[in-house]
N, C-alpha and C. Protein backbone atom coordinates (compact mmCIF):
# COMPACT_ATOMS: atom_id res chain seq x y z
N MET A 1 125.16 89.66 92.12
CA MET A 1 123.74 89.35 92.30
C MET A 1 122.88 90.39 91.58
N ASP A 2 121.93 89.93 90.70
CA ASP A 2 121.14 90.90 89.97
C ASP A 2 119.93 91.34 90.78
N PHE A 3 119.14 92.25 90.15
CA PHE A 3 118.04 92.89 90.86
C PHE A 3 117.04 91.86 91.39
N SER A 4 116.60 90.93 90.54
CA SER A 4 115.59 89.97 90.96
C SER A 4 116.13 89.00 92.00
N TYR A 5 117.41 88.66 91.91
CA TYR A 5 118.04 87.81 92.91
C TYR A 5 117.91 88.47 94.29
N SER A 6 118.24 89.77 94.37
CA SER A 6 118.14 90.49 95.63
C SER A 6 116.71 90.55 96.11
N PHE A 7 115.77 90.71 95.17
CA PHE A 7 114.36 90.74 95.53
C PHE A 7 113.96 89.46 96.26
N LEU A 8 114.40 88.31 95.74
CA LEU A 8 114.05 87.04 96.36
C LEU A 8 114.67 86.92 97.75
N ALA A 9 115.89 87.39 97.89
CA ALA A 9 116.56 87.32 99.19
C ALA A 9 115.87 88.22 100.20
N GLN A 10 115.58 89.48 99.79
CA GLN A 10 114.96 90.44 100.69
C GLN A 10 113.58 89.98 101.12
N SER A 11 112.83 89.38 100.22
CA SER A 11 111.46 88.99 100.52
C SER A 11 111.37 87.72 101.33
N GLY A 12 112.50 87.01 101.45
CA GLY A 12 112.50 85.79 102.21
C GLY A 12 112.09 84.57 101.40
N LEU A 13 111.93 84.73 100.09
CA LEU A 13 111.55 83.60 99.26
C LEU A 13 112.68 82.60 99.14
N LEU A 14 113.92 83.09 99.18
CA LEU A 14 115.09 82.23 99.19
C LEU A 14 116.04 82.74 100.26
N SER A 15 116.66 81.84 101.00
CA SER A 15 117.60 82.24 102.04
C SER A 15 118.92 82.67 101.41
N ALA A 16 119.73 83.37 102.19
CA ALA A 16 121.04 83.79 101.71
C ALA A 16 121.89 82.58 101.35
N ASP A 17 121.81 81.52 102.17
CA ASP A 17 122.59 80.31 101.89
C ASP A 17 122.15 79.69 100.57
N THR A 18 120.85 79.67 100.34
CA THR A 18 120.34 79.10 99.10
C THR A 18 120.80 79.91 97.91
N LEU A 19 120.81 81.23 98.07
CA LEU A 19 121.23 82.11 96.98
C LEU A 19 122.68 81.85 96.59
N ASP A 20 123.46 81.45 97.57
CA ASP A 20 124.88 81.20 97.30
C ASP A 20 125.09 79.95 96.44
N VAL A 21 124.16 79.01 96.52
CA VAL A 21 124.39 77.74 95.84
C VAL A 21 123.48 77.49 94.65
N VAL A 22 122.39 78.26 94.55
CA VAL A 22 121.48 78.04 93.42
C VAL A 22 122.13 78.55 92.14
N GLY A 23 122.17 77.73 91.12
CA GLY A 23 122.75 78.15 89.85
C GLY A 23 121.86 79.13 89.13
N SER A 24 122.45 79.95 88.26
CA SER A 24 121.67 80.97 87.57
C SER A 24 120.60 80.35 86.68
N ARG A 25 120.89 79.18 86.10
CA ARG A 25 119.90 78.55 85.21
C ARG A 25 118.68 78.13 86.00
N THR A 26 118.90 77.51 87.18
CA THR A 26 117.78 77.10 88.03
C THR A 26 117.02 78.32 88.53
N TYR A 27 117.78 79.33 88.94
CA TYR A 27 117.17 80.56 89.46
C TYR A 27 116.24 81.20 88.44
N HIS A 28 116.72 81.36 87.21
CA HIS A 28 115.91 82.02 86.20
C HIS A 28 114.66 81.21 85.84
N ALA A 29 114.68 79.92 86.14
CA ALA A 29 113.52 79.10 85.87
C ALA A 29 112.42 79.31 86.91
N LEU A 30 112.79 79.86 88.10
CA LEU A 30 111.78 79.97 89.14
C LEU A 30 111.54 81.38 89.65
N ASN A 31 112.43 82.35 89.34
CA ASN A 31 112.38 83.63 90.04
C ASN A 31 111.04 84.34 89.97
N LEU A 32 110.66 84.84 88.80
CA LEU A 32 109.43 85.63 88.75
C LEU A 32 108.19 84.76 88.87
N ARG A 33 108.26 83.50 88.40
CA ARG A 33 107.09 82.63 88.53
C ARG A 33 106.74 82.46 90.00
N ARG A 34 107.74 82.22 90.82
CA ARG A 34 107.50 81.99 92.24
C ARG A 34 107.16 83.28 92.97
N ALA A 35 107.87 84.35 92.63
CA ALA A 35 107.64 85.62 93.31
C ALA A 35 106.28 86.20 92.99
N LYS A 36 105.95 86.28 91.70
CA LYS A 36 104.71 86.93 91.31
C LYS A 36 103.48 86.16 91.75
N SER A 37 103.64 84.85 91.95
CA SER A 37 102.49 84.04 92.30
C SER A 37 101.95 84.36 93.68
N ILE A 38 102.80 85.01 94.54
CA ILE A 38 102.32 85.28 95.90
C ILE A 38 102.20 86.77 96.17
N ILE A 39 102.34 87.61 95.15
CA ILE A 39 102.24 89.05 95.35
C ILE A 39 100.81 89.51 95.13
N ASP A 40 100.30 90.25 96.08
CA ASP A 40 98.97 90.80 95.97
C ASP A 40 99.08 92.14 95.28
N ASN A 41 98.59 92.24 94.05
CA ASN A 41 98.73 93.47 93.28
C ASN A 41 97.62 94.47 93.55
N ASP A 42 96.76 94.16 94.50
CA ASP A 42 95.62 95.04 94.78
C ASP A 42 95.67 95.50 96.24
N MET A 43 96.85 95.92 96.68
CA MET A 43 97.03 96.28 98.09
C MET A 43 96.72 97.73 98.37
N ASN A 44 96.63 98.54 97.32
CA ASN A 44 96.33 99.96 97.51
C ASN A 44 97.34 100.62 98.45
N LEU A 45 98.62 100.41 98.20
CA LEU A 45 99.66 100.97 99.06
C LEU A 45 99.72 102.49 99.00
N SER A 46 99.26 103.06 97.90
CA SER A 46 99.32 104.51 97.75
C SER A 46 98.52 105.24 98.83
N ARG A 47 97.56 104.58 99.43
CA ARG A 47 96.77 105.24 100.48
C ARG A 47 97.59 105.50 101.73
N TYR A 48 98.71 104.81 101.87
CA TYR A 48 99.58 105.02 103.03
C TYR A 48 100.60 106.12 102.80
N LEU A 49 100.71 106.57 101.56
CA LEU A 49 101.75 107.54 101.21
C LEU A 49 101.12 108.91 100.99
N THR A 50 101.27 109.80 101.96
CA THR A 50 100.78 111.17 101.84
C THR A 50 101.94 112.07 101.41
N GLU A 51 101.61 113.29 101.02
CA GLU A 51 102.65 114.21 100.54
C GLU A 51 103.68 114.53 101.62
N GLU A 52 103.27 114.53 102.88
CA GLU A 52 104.23 114.81 103.95
C GLU A 52 105.21 113.65 104.16
N LEU A 53 104.89 112.50 103.59
CA LEU A 53 105.76 111.34 103.70
C LEU A 53 106.61 111.12 102.45
N VAL A 54 106.69 112.15 101.61
CA VAL A 54 107.50 112.11 100.40
C VAL A 54 108.56 113.20 100.48
N ARG A 55 109.81 112.85 100.28
CA ARG A 55 110.91 113.82 100.25
C ARG A 55 111.62 113.70 98.92
N LEU A 56 111.56 114.75 98.12
CA LEU A 56 112.11 114.70 96.77
C LEU A 56 113.62 114.88 96.71
N GLU A 57 114.22 115.43 97.76
CA GLU A 57 115.69 115.54 97.79
C GLU A 57 116.17 115.37 99.22
N MET A 58 116.87 114.29 99.45
CA MET A 58 117.39 114.03 100.79
C MET A 58 118.53 114.99 101.12
N THR A 59 118.74 115.20 102.41
CA THR A 59 119.71 116.18 102.86
C THR A 59 120.85 115.58 103.68
N SER A 60 120.84 114.28 103.88
CA SER A 60 121.89 113.64 104.68
C SER A 60 123.26 113.88 104.05
N GLU A 61 124.21 114.30 104.87
CA GLU A 61 125.57 114.53 104.42
C GLU A 61 126.49 113.46 105.00
N ILE A 62 127.20 112.79 104.13
CA ILE A 62 128.08 111.70 104.56
C ILE A 62 129.52 112.19 104.56
N GLU A 63 130.16 112.08 105.71
CA GLU A 63 131.56 112.48 105.83
C GLU A 63 132.46 111.51 105.06
N PRO A 64 133.46 112.02 104.38
CA PRO A 64 134.41 111.11 103.69
C PRO A 64 135.10 110.21 104.70
N MET A 65 135.46 109.03 104.27
CA MET A 65 136.14 108.10 105.16
C MET A 65 137.54 108.61 105.47
N ALA A 66 137.86 108.69 106.74
CA ALA A 66 139.18 109.17 107.15
C ALA A 66 140.25 108.15 106.79
N GLU A 67 141.44 108.65 106.51
CA GLU A 67 142.55 107.77 106.16
C GLU A 67 142.86 106.82 107.32
N GLY A 68 142.93 105.56 107.01
CA GLY A 68 143.24 104.56 108.03
C GLY A 68 142.04 104.07 108.81
N ALA A 69 140.86 104.64 108.54
CA ALA A 69 139.67 104.24 109.27
C ALA A 69 139.12 102.92 108.73
N SER A 70 138.31 102.27 109.53
CA SER A 70 137.68 101.01 109.13
C SER A 70 136.57 101.30 108.12
N GLU A 71 136.68 100.69 106.95
CA GLU A 71 135.66 100.91 105.91
C GLU A 71 134.31 100.37 106.37
N GLU A 72 134.32 99.25 107.06
CA GLU A 72 133.07 98.66 107.54
C GLU A 72 132.35 99.59 108.50
N LYS A 73 133.11 100.16 109.45
CA LYS A 73 132.51 101.09 110.42
C LYS A 73 132.04 102.36 109.74
N TRP A 74 132.81 102.83 108.75
CA TRP A 74 132.41 104.04 108.03
C TRP A 74 131.10 103.80 107.27
N ARG A 75 130.98 102.68 106.60
CA ARG A 75 129.76 102.36 105.85
C ARG A 75 128.55 102.26 106.78
N LEU A 76 128.74 101.63 107.93
CA LEU A 76 127.64 101.49 108.88
C LEU A 76 127.20 102.85 109.41
N LYS A 77 128.17 103.72 109.69
CA LYS A 77 127.85 105.06 110.18
C LYS A 77 127.11 105.86 109.11
N ALA A 78 127.53 105.72 107.85
CA ALA A 78 126.86 106.40 106.75
C ALA A 78 125.42 105.91 106.62
N LYS A 79 125.23 104.61 106.72
CA LYS A 79 123.88 104.06 106.64
C LYS A 79 123.01 104.57 107.80
N GLU A 80 123.61 104.65 108.98
CA GLU A 80 122.85 105.14 110.13
C GLU A 80 122.39 106.57 109.90
N THR A 81 123.24 107.39 109.28
CA THR A 81 122.86 108.79 108.98
C THR A 81 121.68 108.82 108.01
N ILE A 82 121.75 108.01 106.96
CA ILE A 82 120.69 107.96 105.96
C ILE A 82 119.40 107.43 106.57
N LEU A 83 119.52 106.36 107.34
CA LEU A 83 118.34 105.78 107.99
C LEU A 83 117.73 106.76 108.98
N GLY A 84 118.57 107.57 109.61
CA GLY A 84 118.05 108.59 110.53
C GLY A 84 117.13 109.57 109.82
N GLU A 85 117.52 109.98 108.62
CA GLU A 85 116.66 110.88 107.86
C GLU A 85 115.36 110.18 107.45
N LEU A 86 115.45 108.92 107.10
CA LEU A 86 114.25 108.18 106.70
C LEU A 86 113.31 107.98 107.89
N VAL A 87 113.86 107.73 109.07
CA VAL A 87 113.03 107.59 110.28
C VAL A 87 112.36 108.92 110.62
N ASP A 88 113.09 110.02 110.45
CA ASP A 88 112.50 111.34 110.67
C ASP A 88 111.33 111.57 109.73
N LEU A 89 111.47 111.09 108.50
CA LEU A 89 110.38 111.22 107.54
C LEU A 89 109.17 110.42 107.99
N LEU A 90 109.38 109.19 108.43
CA LEU A 90 108.27 108.40 108.97
C LEU A 90 107.65 109.09 110.18
N ASP A 91 108.48 109.70 110.99
CA ASP A 91 108.00 110.36 112.21
C ASP A 91 107.11 111.55 111.91
N SER A 92 107.25 112.12 110.71
CA SER A 92 106.39 113.25 110.35
C SER A 92 104.92 112.83 110.25
N GLY A 93 104.68 111.53 110.14
CA GLY A 93 103.31 111.03 110.12
C GLY A 93 102.76 110.78 111.52
N HIS A 94 103.59 111.01 112.55
CA HIS A 94 103.18 110.91 113.96
C HIS A 94 102.61 109.53 114.29
N ARG A 95 103.25 108.48 113.77
CA ARG A 95 102.74 107.14 114.02
C ARG A 95 103.82 106.21 114.57
N ILE A 96 104.88 106.79 115.13
CA ILE A 96 105.91 105.94 115.72
C ILE A 96 106.00 106.20 117.21
N GLY A 97 106.54 105.20 117.93
CA GLY A 97 106.70 105.35 119.36
C GLY A 97 107.97 106.12 119.68
N ASN A 98 109.05 105.40 119.92
CA ASN A 98 110.33 106.02 120.27
C ASN A 98 111.21 106.07 119.02
N ARG A 99 111.58 107.29 118.58
CA ARG A 99 112.36 107.44 117.36
C ARG A 99 113.71 106.75 117.47
N THR A 100 114.40 106.92 118.59
CA THR A 100 115.73 106.35 118.75
C THR A 100 115.70 104.83 118.67
N LYS A 101 114.69 104.23 119.30
CA LYS A 101 114.58 102.76 119.27
C LYS A 101 114.23 102.27 117.87
N LEU A 102 113.38 103.02 117.16
CA LEU A 102 113.03 102.61 115.80
C LEU A 102 114.26 102.69 114.89
N LEU A 103 115.05 103.74 115.04
CA LEU A 103 116.27 103.86 114.24
C LEU A 103 117.21 102.70 114.53
N LEU A 104 117.35 102.34 115.80
CA LEU A 104 118.21 101.22 116.17
C LEU A 104 117.72 99.93 115.53
N ASP A 105 116.40 99.74 115.47
CA ASP A 105 115.84 98.56 114.82
C ASP A 105 116.22 98.53 113.34
N PHE A 106 116.14 99.68 112.67
CA PHE A 106 116.52 99.75 111.26
C PHE A 106 118.01 99.46 111.07
N VAL A 107 118.83 100.03 111.93
CA VAL A 107 120.27 99.83 111.82
C VAL A 107 120.63 98.35 112.03
N ASN A 108 120.02 97.74 113.04
CA ASN A 108 120.30 96.32 113.30
C ASN A 108 119.82 95.45 112.15
N ARG A 109 118.70 95.83 111.55
CA ARG A 109 118.21 95.08 110.39
C ARG A 109 119.20 95.19 109.23
N GLU A 110 119.76 96.37 109.05
CA GLU A 110 120.68 96.61 107.95
C GLU A 110 121.99 95.84 108.14
N LYS A 111 122.36 95.58 109.38
CA LYS A 111 123.57 94.80 109.66
C LYS A 111 123.42 93.37 109.18
N GLN A 112 122.19 92.86 109.17
CA GLN A 112 121.97 91.47 108.78
C GLN A 112 122.10 91.28 107.28
N TRP A 113 121.57 92.20 106.51
CA TRP A 113 121.56 92.07 105.05
C TRP A 113 121.16 93.42 104.49
N THR A 114 121.89 93.92 103.51
CA THR A 114 121.57 95.23 102.96
C THR A 114 120.16 95.23 102.36
N THR A 115 119.46 96.33 102.54
CA THR A 115 118.12 96.46 101.96
C THR A 115 118.17 97.15 100.60
N ALA A 116 119.37 97.44 100.12
CA ALA A 116 119.53 97.91 98.74
C ALA A 116 119.36 96.71 97.82
N ILE A 117 118.59 96.86 96.74
CA ILE A 117 118.30 95.72 95.87
C ILE A 117 118.72 95.95 94.43
N GLY A 118 119.56 96.95 94.22
CA GLY A 118 120.08 97.18 92.88
C GLY A 118 119.30 98.19 92.07
N HIS A 119 119.91 98.65 90.97
CA HIS A 119 119.30 99.62 90.06
C HIS A 119 118.93 100.93 90.77
N GLY A 120 119.74 101.32 91.76
CA GLY A 120 119.52 102.60 92.44
C GLY A 120 118.38 102.60 93.42
N VAL A 121 118.00 101.42 93.93
CA VAL A 121 116.82 101.28 94.78
C VAL A 121 117.18 100.62 96.11
N ALA A 122 116.55 101.09 97.19
CA ALA A 122 116.63 100.41 98.49
C ALA A 122 115.25 100.45 99.13
N VAL A 123 114.94 99.38 99.86
CA VAL A 123 113.65 99.31 100.56
C VAL A 123 113.91 98.94 102.02
N PRO A 124 114.40 99.88 102.84
CA PRO A 124 114.58 99.58 104.26
C PRO A 124 113.23 99.22 104.88
N HIS A 125 113.18 98.10 105.58
CA HIS A 125 111.91 97.64 106.12
C HIS A 125 112.15 96.93 107.44
N ILE A 126 111.21 97.08 108.36
CA ILE A 126 111.38 96.53 109.70
C ILE A 126 110.03 96.28 110.35
N ARG A 127 109.98 95.23 111.15
CA ARG A 127 108.86 95.03 112.06
C ARG A 127 109.34 95.46 113.43
N SER A 128 108.63 96.37 114.06
CA SER A 128 109.11 96.95 115.30
C SER A 128 107.96 97.32 116.23
N LEU A 129 108.21 97.21 117.52
CA LEU A 129 107.23 97.64 118.51
C LEU A 129 107.02 99.15 118.46
N GLN A 130 107.96 99.86 117.83
CA GLN A 130 107.86 101.32 117.76
C GLN A 130 106.94 101.78 116.63
N ALA A 131 106.49 100.87 115.80
CA ALA A 131 105.55 101.20 114.73
C ALA A 131 104.13 100.97 115.24
N LYS A 132 103.34 102.01 115.31
CA LYS A 132 101.98 101.89 115.82
C LYS A 132 101.06 101.21 114.80
N GLU A 133 101.41 101.34 113.53
CA GLU A 133 100.65 100.73 112.44
C GLU A 133 101.57 100.67 111.23
N PHE A 134 101.10 100.08 110.14
CA PHE A 134 101.94 100.03 108.94
C PHE A 134 102.23 101.44 108.46
N MET A 135 103.51 101.70 108.13
CA MET A 135 103.93 103.02 107.68
C MET A 135 104.77 102.88 106.41
N LEU A 136 104.60 103.84 105.52
CA LEU A 136 105.35 103.85 104.27
C LEU A 136 105.76 105.28 103.94
N ALA A 137 107.00 105.46 103.51
CA ALA A 137 107.47 106.78 103.09
C ALA A 137 108.41 106.61 101.90
N PHE A 138 108.63 107.71 101.20
CA PHE A 138 109.51 107.69 100.02
C PHE A 138 110.47 108.86 100.10
N ALA A 139 111.73 108.59 99.74
CA ALA A 139 112.74 109.66 99.70
C ALA A 139 113.65 109.43 98.50
N ARG A 140 114.15 110.54 97.97
CA ARG A 140 114.98 110.47 96.76
C ARG A 140 116.24 111.31 96.93
N SER A 141 117.33 110.80 96.38
CA SER A 141 118.58 111.55 96.34
C SER A 141 119.03 111.59 94.88
N THR A 142 119.18 112.76 94.33
CA THR A 142 119.56 112.87 92.92
C THR A 142 120.92 112.25 92.65
N SER A 143 121.86 112.52 93.53
CA SER A 143 123.22 112.00 93.34
C SER A 143 123.37 110.58 93.86
N GLY A 144 122.55 110.20 94.82
CA GLY A 144 122.58 108.85 95.35
C GLY A 144 123.57 108.67 96.49
N TYR A 145 123.37 107.60 97.25
CA TYR A 145 124.24 107.27 98.38
C TYR A 145 124.77 105.84 98.22
N ASP A 146 125.97 105.63 98.75
CA ASP A 146 126.52 104.28 98.84
C ASP A 146 125.74 103.57 99.95
N PHE A 147 124.96 102.56 99.57
CA PHE A 147 124.12 101.87 100.54
C PHE A 147 124.33 100.35 100.48
N GLY A 148 125.49 99.97 99.98
CA GLY A 148 125.82 98.55 99.93
C GLY A 148 125.01 97.76 98.92
N ALA A 149 124.66 98.39 97.79
CA ALA A 149 123.86 97.71 96.78
C ALA A 149 124.63 96.56 96.16
N PRO A 150 123.95 95.47 95.82
CA PRO A 150 124.64 94.31 95.24
C PRO A 150 125.29 94.61 93.90
N ASP A 151 124.78 95.61 93.16
CA ASP A 151 125.39 95.95 91.88
C ASP A 151 126.42 97.07 92.02
N GLY A 152 126.64 97.54 93.25
CA GLY A 152 127.64 98.57 93.51
C GLY A 152 127.23 99.97 93.13
N GLU A 153 126.00 100.14 92.65
CA GLU A 153 125.53 101.45 92.22
C GLU A 153 125.00 102.27 93.40
N PRO A 154 125.13 103.62 93.33
CA PRO A 154 124.54 104.46 94.38
C PRO A 154 123.02 104.30 94.41
N VAL A 155 122.45 104.42 95.59
CA VAL A 155 121.00 104.32 95.75
C VAL A 155 120.39 105.72 95.72
N CYS A 156 119.44 105.91 94.81
CA CYS A 156 118.75 107.20 94.66
C CYS A 156 117.31 107.16 95.17
N LEU A 157 116.71 105.99 95.12
CA LEU A 157 115.30 105.84 95.46
C LEU A 157 115.14 104.97 96.70
N PHE A 158 114.49 105.53 97.72
CA PHE A 158 114.26 104.80 98.96
C PHE A 158 112.77 104.72 99.26
N PHE A 159 112.25 103.52 99.36
CA PHE A 159 110.94 103.30 99.96
C PHE A 159 111.22 102.70 101.33
N VAL A 160 110.77 103.35 102.39
CA VAL A 160 111.01 102.86 103.74
C VAL A 160 109.67 102.47 104.37
N MET A 161 109.65 101.33 105.01
CA MET A 161 108.40 100.86 105.61
C MET A 161 108.65 100.24 106.97
N ALA A 162 107.67 100.39 107.85
CA ALA A 162 107.73 99.81 109.18
C ALA A 162 106.34 99.31 109.54
N SER A 163 106.31 98.26 110.34
CA SER A 163 105.04 97.65 110.70
C SER A 163 105.15 97.06 112.10
N PRO A 164 104.04 96.97 112.83
CA PRO A 164 104.08 96.30 114.13
C PRO A 164 104.46 94.83 113.97
N PRO A 165 105.04 94.22 114.99
CA PRO A 165 105.50 92.82 114.88
C PRO A 165 104.38 91.83 114.56
N TYR A 166 103.16 92.15 114.98
CA TYR A 166 102.05 91.21 114.78
C TYR A 166 101.46 91.29 113.38
N ASP A 167 101.89 92.27 112.57
CA ASP A 167 101.28 92.48 111.26
C ASP A 167 102.10 91.82 110.16
N ASP A 168 102.48 90.57 110.37
CA ASP A 168 103.38 89.86 109.48
C ASP A 168 102.88 89.73 108.05
N ASN A 169 101.66 89.32 107.89
CA ASN A 169 101.13 89.00 106.57
C ASN A 169 101.12 90.23 105.65
N PHE A 170 100.56 91.33 106.14
CA PHE A 170 100.48 92.53 105.31
C PHE A 170 101.86 93.09 105.05
N TYR A 171 102.71 93.07 106.06
CA TYR A 171 104.07 93.59 105.93
C TYR A 171 104.83 92.90 104.81
N LEU A 172 104.78 91.57 104.78
CA LEU A 172 105.50 90.82 103.75
C LEU A 172 104.90 91.06 102.37
N LYS A 173 103.58 91.10 102.29
CA LYS A 173 102.94 91.36 101.00
C LYS A 173 103.28 92.76 100.49
N ALA A 174 103.34 93.73 101.41
CA ALA A 174 103.65 95.11 101.02
C ALA A 174 105.07 95.19 100.48
N PHE A 175 106.01 94.55 101.17
CA PHE A 175 107.40 94.58 100.69
C PHE A 175 107.50 93.95 99.31
N LYS A 176 106.89 92.80 99.14
CA LYS A 176 106.98 92.10 97.86
C LYS A 176 106.36 92.91 96.74
N ALA A 177 105.23 93.57 97.04
CA ALA A 177 104.57 94.37 96.02
C ALA A 177 105.44 95.54 95.59
N ILE A 178 106.04 96.25 96.56
CA ILE A 178 106.90 97.39 96.24
C ILE A 178 108.13 96.93 95.46
N ALA A 179 108.74 95.83 95.91
CA ALA A 179 109.94 95.33 95.24
C ALA A 179 109.63 94.94 93.80
N GLU A 180 108.47 94.36 93.57
CA GLU A 180 108.11 93.97 92.21
C GLU A 180 107.90 95.22 91.34
N MET A 181 107.21 96.22 91.88
CA MET A 181 107.00 97.46 91.12
C MET A 181 108.33 98.06 90.70
N LEU A 182 109.30 98.03 91.61
CA LEU A 182 110.58 98.67 91.36
C LEU A 182 111.45 97.91 90.36
N GLN A 183 111.03 96.75 89.96
CA GLN A 183 111.75 96.04 88.90
C GLN A 183 111.51 96.68 87.54
N HIS A 184 110.46 97.49 87.44
CA HIS A 184 110.11 98.12 86.17
C HIS A 184 110.92 99.40 85.98
N GLU A 185 111.72 99.43 84.94
CA GLU A 185 112.56 100.60 84.66
C GLU A 185 111.74 101.86 84.47
N SER A 186 110.58 101.73 83.84
CA SER A 186 109.73 102.90 83.58
C SER A 186 109.23 103.51 84.87
N PHE A 187 108.94 102.68 85.86
CA PHE A 187 108.49 103.18 87.17
C PHE A 187 109.62 103.91 87.87
N ARG A 188 110.81 103.33 87.85
CA ARG A 188 111.96 104.00 88.47
C ARG A 188 112.25 105.34 87.80
N ALA A 189 112.13 105.38 86.48
CA ALA A 189 112.37 106.62 85.75
C ALA A 189 111.34 107.68 86.11
N GLU A 190 110.10 107.24 86.30
CA GLU A 190 109.04 108.18 86.67
C GLU A 190 109.28 108.76 88.06
N LEU A 191 109.74 107.93 88.97
CA LEU A 191 110.06 108.40 90.32
C LEU A 191 111.21 109.40 90.30
N MET A 192 112.20 109.17 89.45
CA MET A 192 113.34 110.07 89.36
C MET A 192 112.96 111.40 88.72
N ALA A 193 111.98 111.38 87.84
CA ALA A 193 111.59 112.59 87.10
C ALA A 193 110.54 113.43 87.81
N ALA A 194 109.92 112.90 88.83
CA ALA A 194 108.82 113.60 89.51
C ALA A 194 109.27 114.95 90.06
N LYS A 195 108.41 115.94 89.88
CA LYS A 195 108.71 117.31 90.33
C LYS A 195 107.95 117.70 91.59
N ALA A 196 106.98 116.88 91.99
CA ALA A 196 106.16 117.20 93.16
C ALA A 196 105.79 115.91 93.87
N PRO A 197 105.57 115.97 95.20
CA PRO A 197 105.20 114.76 95.94
C PRO A 197 103.98 114.05 95.38
N GLY A 198 103.02 114.82 94.91
CA GLY A 198 101.81 114.22 94.36
C GLY A 198 102.10 113.33 93.16
N GLU A 199 103.14 113.65 92.40
CA GLU A 199 103.50 112.83 91.24
C GLU A 199 104.04 111.47 91.67
N ILE A 200 104.73 111.43 92.80
CA ILE A 200 105.21 110.16 93.33
C ILE A 200 104.02 109.28 93.71
N ILE A 201 103.07 109.87 94.40
CA ILE A 201 101.89 109.12 94.83
C ILE A 201 101.09 108.61 93.65
N ARG A 202 100.95 109.45 92.63
CA ARG A 202 100.19 109.03 91.44
C ARG A 202 100.93 107.92 90.69
N ALA A 203 102.25 107.99 90.66
CA ALA A 203 103.03 106.95 89.98
C ALA A 203 102.85 105.61 90.70
N LEU A 204 102.86 105.65 92.03
CA LEU A 204 102.65 104.43 92.81
C LEU A 204 101.25 103.87 92.58
N ARG A 205 100.27 104.76 92.57
CA ARG A 205 98.87 104.34 92.37
C ARG A 205 98.68 103.70 91.00
N ALA A 206 99.37 104.25 90.00
CA ALA A 206 99.22 103.72 88.64
C ALA A 206 99.78 102.31 88.51
N MET A 207 100.72 101.93 89.41
CA MET A 207 101.32 100.62 89.35
C MET A 207 100.50 99.57 90.10
N GLU A 208 99.52 99.99 90.87
CA GLU A 208 98.75 99.06 91.67
C GLU A 208 97.70 98.34 90.84
């Protein structure tokens, strides 16, 4: 599954079942036309991203899989560790309710379908009662983590977002806008090259 295919699945534009049966020729005829037509490019998402919500080098350490252990359980545990760091980053904005419950919401969401969308990118996203308002954070890992990406590549760039359950419309538009921005190789390169949190915010603002 390529990057745009994952984008459509993550955004809910096409179901997983549909993705399994839609031919590549049909898909390429509708992918960006359908996706871009409903993306609001004037959302001003950068206003939600402060320097305290940007982490330029993640610190999560993933234990090697023990011999004879279940690979599925090991992958889930690794994801939980990574998501824990991302939830801590969101928590630095002091806008979440119960950290443990929010982490559980992210983990359960990840069990349904990976939020990695290829090209070294993941956008963990959740609607949760533990989110007091829409929240956005960014984290980067130079070496990357195995996050179940459809292209098998390590994930280096994480945009994590959470929203209250009642904020459906903005939440979906925000996810779609971020996912579309991340399709641009130049944007991903700029995020990887940034030396300061402010550069991440400016890069996001320039894409809006």
